[in-house]
Each structure stands twice: as C-alpha cells, then as structure tokens.
Amino acid sequence: MNRRIRTLVFGAVPVLALLVAVNTTSIPGTNISVTVPYAAEGQGPTFNTLGDIDGVTVVDITGTEVDETAGKLNMTTVSVRTNMTVMQAASRWLFSGDNLIPIEQVIPQDKSEDEVNELNQQAFLVSESAATTAALRYLNKPLEVEVADTVVDSPAHDVMEVGDRIVAIGGTDVKSGGHAQELVRKKRPGEVVTVSFVRDDKRMDAEVILATHPNDPTMPLLGISMVTVPAEDITVEYNLDDIGGPSAGMIFALAVVDKLSPGKLNGGKFVAGTGTIDDNGAVGHIGGVVHKAKAAADSGAELFLAPRSNCGELRGKSFGTMTVAAVDTLEEAIDQMDRYANGKDVEGCR
C-alpha cells in the first residue's frame, strides 16, 4: 500500500497525488486496514503566478499586449496526507509540524474519493473564471459568459453547446457567470425560462423547463457550467495541473491585473498570498492559512496577503521578517501591495 500525499489550494479537498512507498497499511495477507481515521495537514509548495513551470506560463494571456512583470506573486498550497498508520500519523505530528484532522474534513463520509476530487477540480475551475472576471472588471474591460460544458440528461443538454455565449436569462441581460447562476436560482424547478445565447454570431432564444437539482429538491437545475470570458479577443489560461480548490482565486486575479496594466503591481517585491475571490472581487475565507503563511515565509516572501476573515488564526504568530496584510477585496490587495512597495505601513491582522 502507499501513503497518498496531495497538495491542496485549501478551502476545498485534495487533488495532487504523489505516491510514496511506506510501511504496509493493512495486516499482511488480509484486507484489514490498520490506518487511522485522520489526515495530516501541512505546508505545501508555492507557485509563482507571474512565472513559468516546466517552461509553461502559469497565467498565460494572449490576444492583447501583456505588460512586463517583476518580482514574484506566489499562490500557496497545503499538503494533506491520508491512509496513514498510527506510527506514520504520530511521526507527522511530532516531527513535521503537521496538524492531524479528522479524515471526514478531507473526504466526507457521503462522498467517494473520486467524487471529492471531481468537486475539488470543479471548484478550481470556478475560481479561475471568477479570477478572470474580477480582474477584467477591475480593469473596466467588457465581459461575456460562455458555456463550458453541459450536464447529460439536463434541460440544457440538447439545447446548448460548448462555446455558446449566454446573453440573457428570463429576459435579463447576463453580466457574469455568477450573475447567470443568480438568475436561475430565482426560479423554481419545473418553471419555464427563456435562455438567450449567441452561436456562430447568431442570437437564439430557447425555452427550457428547469429540472430539480440532485442535491437540493428546492433548487432549479439548468444543467450548464459557465465561464466568464473577455468580450474582446483576450484569452486567459491558467496552467497548473493537479491543483484543486478555490483559494488561489485572489492571487490569480492579481496576476491577470499585473499583466494587463502598466507598471509592476507588486513593486518588484516577492509577494505571496491566498484567498478565494468572487466575480465582484470580494476575497473570502480559506483553510490551512497558517501552513500557507509559513510556506510563504520559508520560500522568501516579503509580504503575505491573507483574507481578513482568517486573521484570528494568524494573529500572534511569527513569520520571521515577512509582513502579513489583511484584505477583503481585490482592490484592497492591490492597495496593500502598493503601500508595501513604497515603504508605507500596511494593515495587518489586529
């Protein structure tokens, strides 16, 4: 058997699996497990979103002029180890600084590992879309909503196609993927809604009977996953494989803003951080923040951007010479970086 080590963009569940041979986790000759019902949570690697990994640009923007960047803007992760024996768990806790958490916090009892990984990957894709939306809104660039996929046997499956641009739902113009979801959620299962979209430069209107969401009988289901994309020829791609969860959203958005605006957003400094982001640029709470801050400090970061809602976990902790700044929005994160780069005080966790 192997111990599974996964890297999370925490606030979600594990994805990156590195298989490492260790002592047996079952009684020899049987299928009886001797693993403990806990996971070890610790520091994961950090990735510079302004740079490359294995020769591939992490945040790749095409279709427009991209400004030169400097310094670093690192997203941070948490590593979670599962399938451990008592001795392995004790070793992680005693010697590595990992925390032991109930396994249900990583893999809920009502979900299989494959289901958890799928949900985690979906959350990562949503965070990418939200990051693009928030960044382009900050830069006052026009946006459109595109169908990324349709759910088999859902109301939209035989009506809409990948690449369709959604322009209105129920007669209301759609502003973003999040806005489209809000418009659908205002309806009831069984209700007829008109979805307006553009395909091959032709506007189409389709009446769709909303289904019942499988996880909530009170919620309607249209059956599409959407991404918000630039209305212009700009394309934003995020090239990080085997990473999941929503908490890279803020850093992704900052990287897009840096590349599409003049000057060095981080002032050429080494900045790291974490935080979810929504279409409007609001920064949200994440898990594993102390491990992420320690990983940032160990990698040489000068400034760490953290959601203000995580301040309770960071307050009173020492991260060497690294400064911790508390933020609630994308705009505030940009302001904090500017203040730090110009030698001014930043607002920390008080």
Protein backbone atom coordinates (compact mmCIF):
# COMPACT_ATOMS: atom_id res chain seq x y z
CA MET A 1 0.00 0.00 0.00
CA ASN A 2 1.04 3.62 -0.40
CA ARG A 3 0.59 6.72 1.62
CA ARG A 4 -1.11 9.34 -0.53
CA ILE A 5 0.19 12.88 -0.42
CA ARG A 6 -1.93 15.56 -2.02
CA THR A 7 -1.42 19.26 -2.46
CA LEU A 8 -4.45 21.46 -1.86
CA VAL A 9 -5.27 25.03 -2.56
CA PHE A 10 -7.05 24.60 0.75
CA GLY A 11 -10.61 25.64 1.33
CA ALA A 12 -11.55 22.56 -0.62
CA VAL A 13 -10.26 18.99 -0.90
CA PRO A 14 -7.12 17.19 -2.14
CA VAL A 15 -6.03 16.72 -5.72
CA LEU A 16 -2.29 16.45 -6.38
CA ALA A 17 -1.33 12.83 -5.63
CA LEU A 18 2.27 11.82 -5.11
CA LEU A 19 2.61 8.13 -4.34
CA VAL A 20 5.31 7.33 -1.81
CA ALA A 21 6.16 3.80 -0.69
CA VAL A 22 5.89 3.35 3.07
CA ASN A 23 5.19 0.63 5.59
CA THR A 24 2.17 -1.60 4.94
CA THR A 25 -1.21 -0.13 5.87
CA SER A 26 -3.04 -3.44 6.20
CA ILE A 27 -2.49 -6.69 8.07
CA PRO A 28 -0.34 -8.92 5.81
CA GLY A 29 -2.43 -11.48 3.95
CA THR A 30 -5.70 -9.66 4.66
CA ASN A 31 -7.66 -6.59 3.58
CA ILE A 32 -7.96 -5.39 7.15
CA SER A 33 -6.77 -1.79 7.30
CA VAL A 34 -4.58 -0.53 10.11
CA THR A 35 -4.78 3.11 9.05
CA VAL A 36 -6.06 5.84 11.33
CA PRO A 37 -9.17 7.97 10.59
CA TYR A 38 -7.08 11.14 10.42
CA ALA A 39 -5.26 13.18 7.81
CA ALA A 40 -2.03 15.14 8.30
CA GLU A 41 -2.24 18.74 7.12
CA GLY A 42 0.98 20.62 6.47
CA GLN A 43 2.83 23.06 4.24
CA GLY A 44 2.56 22.61 0.50
CA PRO A 45 4.59 24.09 -2.35
CA THR A 46 4.15 27.66 -3.60
CA PHE A 47 3.92 28.68 -7.26
CA ASN A 48 4.87 31.99 -8.85
CA THR A 49 1.84 33.01 -10.94
CA LEU A 50 3.98 35.56 -12.81
CA GLY A 51 6.43 32.91 -13.96
CA ASP A 52 6.69 29.55 -15.69
CA ILE A 53 6.55 25.93 -14.56
CA ASP A 54 8.39 23.41 -16.71
CA GLY A 55 8.57 26.00 -19.48
CA VAL A 56 4.81 26.72 -19.44
CA THR A 57 3.50 30.16 -18.42
CA VAL A 58 1.34 29.80 -15.31
CA VAL A 59 -1.07 32.62 -16.21
CA ASP A 60 -0.95 32.87 -20.00
CA ILE A 61 -2.69 35.84 -21.64
CA THR A 62 -2.98 36.17 -25.40
CA GLY A 63 -4.83 38.45 -27.80
CA THR A 64 -3.57 41.68 -26.29
CA GLU A 65 -0.35 43.36 -25.23
CA VAL A 66 0.98 41.98 -21.95
CA ASP A 67 2.96 44.26 -19.66
CA GLU A 68 6.34 43.20 -18.28
CA THR A 69 6.25 41.94 -14.68
CA ALA A 70 8.91 41.65 -11.99
CA GLY A 71 9.33 40.06 -8.58
CA LYS A 72 7.06 37.20 -7.57
CA LEU A 73 3.36 36.72 -6.88
CA ASN A 74 3.08 33.28 -5.33
CA MET A 75 -0.04 31.25 -4.66
CA THR A 76 0.28 28.93 -1.66
CA THR A 77 -0.99 25.42 -1.01
CA VAL A 78 -1.50 22.91 1.77
CA SER A 79 -0.39 19.27 1.58
CA VAL A 80 -2.67 16.63 3.07
CA ARG A 81 -1.54 13.07 3.79
CA THR A 82 -4.08 10.28 4.22
CA ASN A 83 -4.02 6.49 4.55
CA MET A 84 -1.51 6.58 7.45
CA THR A 85 -0.71 4.06 10.16
CA VAL A 86 -0.60 5.13 13.81
CA MET A 87 3.18 5.43 13.67
CA GLN A 88 3.09 7.47 10.47
CA ALA A 89 0.48 9.83 11.86
CA ALA A 90 2.41 10.26 15.10
CA SER A 91 5.60 10.94 13.16
CA ARG A 92 3.92 13.66 11.06
CA TRP A 93 2.52 15.30 14.19
CA LEU A 94 5.71 15.10 16.26
CA PHE A 95 8.42 15.89 13.73
CA SER A 96 6.97 17.76 10.73
CA GLY A 97 4.70 20.36 12.29
CA ASP A 98 1.63 18.90 10.55
CA ASN A 99 -1.79 19.04 12.16
CA LEU A 100 -3.92 15.91 12.46
CA ILE A 101 -7.52 16.45 11.35
CA PRO A 102 -10.46 14.00 11.10
CA ILE A 103 -10.46 12.31 7.71
CA GLU A 104 -14.07 13.47 7.20
CA GLN A 105 -12.74 17.02 6.76
CA VAL A 106 -10.85 15.82 3.69
CA ILE A 107 -13.11 13.07 2.32
CA PRO A 108 -16.72 13.42 3.59
CA GLN A 109 -18.37 10.12 4.53
CA ASP A 110 -21.06 10.51 1.86
CA LYS A 111 -18.51 11.03 -0.93
CA SER A 112 -16.08 8.72 -2.69
CA GLU A 113 -12.52 9.87 -3.26
CA ASP A 114 -13.24 10.23 -6.99
CA GLU A 115 -16.30 12.38 -6.24
CA VAL A 116 -14.26 14.56 -3.88
CA ASN A 117 -11.53 15.02 -6.48
CA GLU A 118 -14.10 15.95 -9.13
CA LEU A 119 -15.74 18.52 -6.85
CA ASN A 120 -12.34 19.90 -6.00
CA GLN A 121 -11.39 20.29 -9.66
CA GLN A 122 -14.72 21.99 -10.39
CA ALA A 123 -14.07 24.45 -7.56
CA PHE A 124 -10.67 25.25 -9.08
CA LEU A 125 -12.22 25.93 -12.49
CA VAL A 126 -14.83 28.19 -10.92
CA SER A 127 -12.07 30.09 -9.11
CA GLU A 128 -10.22 30.60 -12.40
CA SER A 129 -13.34 32.03 -14.02
CA ALA A 130 -14.03 34.28 -11.04
CA ALA A 131 -10.42 35.47 -11.03
CA THR A 132 -10.62 36.45 -14.69
CA THR A 133 -13.95 38.20 -14.16
CA ALA A 134 -12.79 40.12 -11.09
CA ALA A 135 -9.55 41.20 -12.77
CA LEU A 136 -11.16 42.35 -16.01
CA ARG A 137 -13.88 44.18 -14.09
CA TYR A 138 -11.20 45.95 -12.10
CA LEU A 139 -9.61 46.95 -15.42
CA ASN A 140 -13.01 48.00 -16.85
CA LYS A 141 -12.85 45.52 -19.73
CA PRO A 142 -16.09 44.09 -21.28
CA LEU A 143 -17.06 40.50 -20.40
CA GLU A 144 -19.20 37.68 -21.80
CA VAL A 145 -20.46 34.38 -20.35
CA GLU A 146 -19.62 31.19 -22.23
CA VAL A 147 -20.91 27.64 -21.85
CA ALA A 148 -18.01 25.44 -20.71
CA ASP A 149 -19.96 22.17 -20.52
CA THR A 150 -23.47 20.75 -20.31
CA VAL A 151 -24.77 18.05 -17.97
CA VAL A 152 -26.02 14.90 -19.67
CA ASP A 153 -29.82 14.50 -19.45
CA SER A 154 -30.21 18.03 -18.09
CA PRO A 155 -32.64 20.59 -19.60
CA ALA A 156 -29.81 22.41 -21.39
CA HIS A 157 -28.01 19.35 -22.77
CA ASP A 158 -29.87 19.12 -26.10
CA VAL A 159 -30.34 22.88 -26.39
CA MET A 160 -26.97 24.49 -25.73
CA GLU A 161 -23.43 23.71 -26.85
CA VAL A 162 -19.95 24.34 -25.51
CA GLY A 163 -18.87 27.79 -26.69
CA ASP A 164 -22.34 29.35 -26.78
CA ARG A 165 -22.32 32.89 -25.38
CA ILE A 166 -25.19 33.46 -22.92
CA VAL A 167 -26.61 36.96 -23.23
CA ALA A 168 -29.83 36.80 -21.18
CA ILE A 169 -31.84 34.56 -18.84
CA GLY A 170 -35.53 35.23 -18.40
CA GLY A 171 -35.16 38.46 -20.32
CA THR A 172 -32.47 39.86 -18.01
CA ASP A 173 -29.06 40.60 -19.51
CA VAL A 174 -26.33 38.39 -18.03
CA LYS A 175 -23.29 40.20 -16.61
CA SER A 176 -21.18 37.26 -15.44
CA GLY A 177 -21.30 33.55 -14.72
CA GLY A 178 -22.20 34.28 -11.11
CA HIS A 179 -24.99 36.60 -12.23
CA ALA A 180 -26.36 33.88 -14.54
CA GLN A 181 -26.45 31.45 -11.61
CA GLU A 182 -28.34 34.00 -9.50
CA LEU A 183 -30.95 34.45 -12.24
CA VAL A 184 -31.51 30.69 -12.48
CA ARG A 185 -31.71 30.27 -8.71
CA LYS A 186 -34.53 32.80 -8.53
CA LYS A 187 -36.69 30.32 -10.47
CA ARG A 188 -38.33 27.09 -9.29
CA PRO A 189 -37.94 23.50 -10.55
CA GLY A 190 -40.44 22.90 -13.33
CA GLU A 191 -40.60 26.56 -14.29
CA VAL A 192 -40.07 27.56 -17.92
CA VAL A 193 -37.25 30.05 -18.52
CA THR A 194 -36.06 31.65 -21.75
CA VAL A 195 -32.31 31.41 -22.29
CA SER A 196 -30.87 33.73 -24.93
CA PHE A 197 -27.47 32.93 -26.39
CA VAL A 198 -25.25 33.58 -29.39
CA ARG A 199 -23.90 30.78 -31.56
CA ASP A 200 -21.90 31.45 -34.73
CA ASP A 201 -22.76 35.15 -34.48
CA LYS A 202 -26.49 34.35 -34.48
CA ARG A 203 -28.73 35.11 -31.48
CA MET A 204 -31.01 32.26 -30.42
CA ASP A 205 -33.79 32.05 -27.80
CA ALA A 206 -34.72 28.73 -26.22
CA GLU A 207 -37.47 27.95 -23.71
CA VAL A 208 -36.18 25.48 -21.15
CA ILE A 209 -38.07 23.65 -18.39
CA LEU A 210 -35.83 23.76 -15.30
CA ALA A 211 -35.16 20.42 -13.61
CA THR A 212 -34.67 19.69 -9.91
CA HIS A 213 -31.13 19.90 -8.58
CA PRO A 214 -29.99 16.42 -7.41
CA ASN A 215 -28.52 17.80 -4.19
CA ASP A 216 -31.42 20.08 -3.26
CA PRO A 217 -35.06 19.44 -4.27
CA THR A 218 -35.89 23.13 -3.80
CA MET A 219 -33.22 24.30 -6.26
CA PRO A 220 -33.68 24.51 -10.04
CA LEU A 221 -31.18 22.97 -12.46
CA LEU A 222 -30.40 24.33 -15.92
CA GLY A 223 -27.50 21.95 -16.45
CA ILE A 224 -24.59 24.02 -17.72
CA SER A 225 -21.23 25.05 -16.33
CA MET A 226 -20.19 28.55 -17.35
CA VAL A 227 -17.06 30.62 -17.56
CA THR A 228 -16.81 34.38 -17.82
CA VAL A 229 -14.56 35.39 -20.70
CA PRO A 230 -13.39 38.68 -22.20
CA ALA A 231 -15.72 40.13 -24.82
CA GLU A 232 -12.61 41.13 -26.78
CA ASP A 233 -10.07 38.72 -28.26
CA ILE A 234 -8.25 38.36 -24.93
CA THR A 235 -7.73 34.80 -23.72
CA VAL A 236 -6.65 33.96 -20.17
CA GLU A 237 -5.44 30.44 -19.39
CA TYR A 238 -4.25 29.06 -16.05
CA ASN A 239 -1.70 26.29 -16.46
CA LEU A 240 -1.36 24.50 -13.14
CA ASP A 241 -2.07 20.78 -13.30
CA ASP A 242 -3.22 18.66 -10.35
CA ILE A 243 -4.14 21.59 -8.14
CA GLY A 244 -7.66 21.94 -6.81
CA GLY A 245 -9.91 24.10 -4.68
CA PRO A 246 -10.95 27.75 -4.81
CA SER A 247 -8.37 29.53 -2.69
CA ALA A 248 -5.96 30.58 -5.46
CA GLY A 249 -8.58 32.93 -6.86
CA MET A 250 -7.26 36.19 -5.41
CA ILE A 251 -3.66 35.57 -6.49
CA PHE A 252 -4.78 34.55 -9.98
CA ALA A 253 -6.77 37.77 -10.28
CA LEU A 254 -3.79 39.84 -9.14
CA ALA A 255 -1.57 38.14 -11.74
CA VAL A 256 -4.05 39.00 -14.52
CA VAL A 257 -4.26 42.62 -13.37
CA ASP A 258 -0.46 42.86 -13.20
CA LYS A 259 -0.02 41.52 -16.73
CA LEU A 260 -2.74 43.73 -18.24
CA SER A 261 -1.88 47.03 -16.55
CA PRO A 262 1.19 49.28 -16.73
CA GLY A 263 3.84 49.10 -14.04
CA LYS A 264 4.79 46.45 -11.52
CA LEU A 265 1.76 45.68 -9.33
CA ASN A 266 3.97 44.22 -6.59
CA GLY A 267 6.68 46.86 -7.00
CA GLY A 268 9.12 44.10 -7.93
CA LYS A 269 8.77 42.55 -4.46
CA PHE A 270 8.21 38.91 -3.51
CA VAL A 271 4.52 38.77 -2.59
CA ALA A 272 2.58 35.62 -1.70
CA GLY A 273 -0.97 35.06 -0.57
CA THR A 274 -4.20 33.12 -0.53
CA GLY A 275 -7.92 33.75 -0.66
CA THR A 276 -10.99 32.92 -2.67
CA ILE A 277 -12.46 35.56 -4.94
CA ASP A 278 -15.89 36.14 -6.45
CA ASP A 279 -16.93 37.87 -9.67
CA ASN A 280 -17.10 41.21 -7.87
CA GLY A 281 -13.60 40.97 -6.38
CA ALA A 282 -14.58 40.06 -2.80
CA VAL A 283 -11.87 37.98 -1.07
CA GLY A 284 -13.07 35.05 1.04
CA HIS A 285 -12.02 32.73 3.86
CA ILE A 286 -9.78 29.71 3.25
CA GLY A 287 -8.44 26.75 5.22
CA GLY A 288 -4.88 25.95 6.26
CA VAL A 289 -3.84 29.61 6.34
CA VAL A 290 -1.09 29.20 8.96
CA HIS A 291 0.60 26.44 6.93
CA LYS A 292 0.35 28.63 3.84
CA ALA A 293 1.85 31.64 5.58
CA LYS A 294 4.72 29.53 6.92
CA ALA A 295 5.36 28.10 3.46
CA ALA A 296 5.42 31.64 2.04
CA ALA A 297 7.87 32.82 4.69
CA ASP A 298 10.10 29.78 4.16
CA SER A 299 10.18 30.47 0.41
CA GLY A 300 11.37 34.04 0.99
CA ALA A 301 8.18 36.07 0.59
CA GLU A 302 8.35 39.65 1.88
CA LEU A 303 4.59 40.27 2.02
CA PHE A 304 1.73 37.80 2.57
CA LEU A 305 -1.82 38.74 1.59
CA ALA A 306 -4.47 36.95 3.67
CA PRO A 307 -8.27 37.18 3.87
CA ARG A 308 -9.24 39.40 6.79
CA SER A 309 -11.63 36.65 7.94
CA ASN A 310 -8.58 34.41 8.56
CA CYS A 311 -6.88 36.92 10.84
CA GLY A 312 -7.91 35.09 14.00
CA GLU A 313 -5.69 32.15 13.00
CA LEU A 314 -2.73 34.34 12.07
CA ARG A 315 -2.82 36.86 14.90
CA GLY A 316 0.10 36.45 17.30
CA LYS A 317 2.01 34.07 15.00
CA SER A 318 5.58 34.85 13.95
CA PHE A 319 6.62 34.52 10.31
CA GLY A 320 10.11 35.93 10.57
CA THR A 321 10.61 39.13 8.60
CA MET A 322 7.56 38.55 6.39
CA THR A 323 4.78 41.12 6.73
CA VAL A 324 1.17 39.88 6.82
CA ALA A 325 -1.52 42.12 5.31
CA ALA A 326 -5.28 41.61 5.77
CA VAL A 327 -7.53 42.16 2.75
CA ASP A 328 -11.24 41.95 1.93
CA THR A 329 -11.21 42.80 -1.77
CA LEU A 330 -9.05 42.66 -4.88
CA GLU A 331 -8.76 46.44 -4.84
CA GLU A 332 -7.58 46.37 -1.23
CA ALA A 333 -4.97 43.70 -2.05
CA ILE A 334 -3.61 45.92 -4.82
CA ASP A 335 -3.52 48.89 -2.46
CA GLN A 336 -1.70 46.88 0.22
CA MET A 337 0.97 45.81 -2.28
CA ASP A 338 1.40 49.39 -3.44
CA ARG A 339 1.78 50.64 0.12
CA TYR A 340 4.34 47.96 0.95
CA ALA A 341 6.35 48.59 -2.23
CA ASN A 342 6.51 52.31 -1.39
CA GLY A 343 7.62 51.80 2.21
CA LYS A 344 4.28 52.69 3.78
CA ASP A 345 2.51 50.86 6.58
CA VAL A 346 0.09 48.09 5.58
CA GLU A 347 -2.94 46.98 7.56
CA GLY A 348 -2.15 43.71 9.28
CA CYS A 349 -4.21 41.33 11.40
CA ARG A 350 -5.10 43.29 14.51
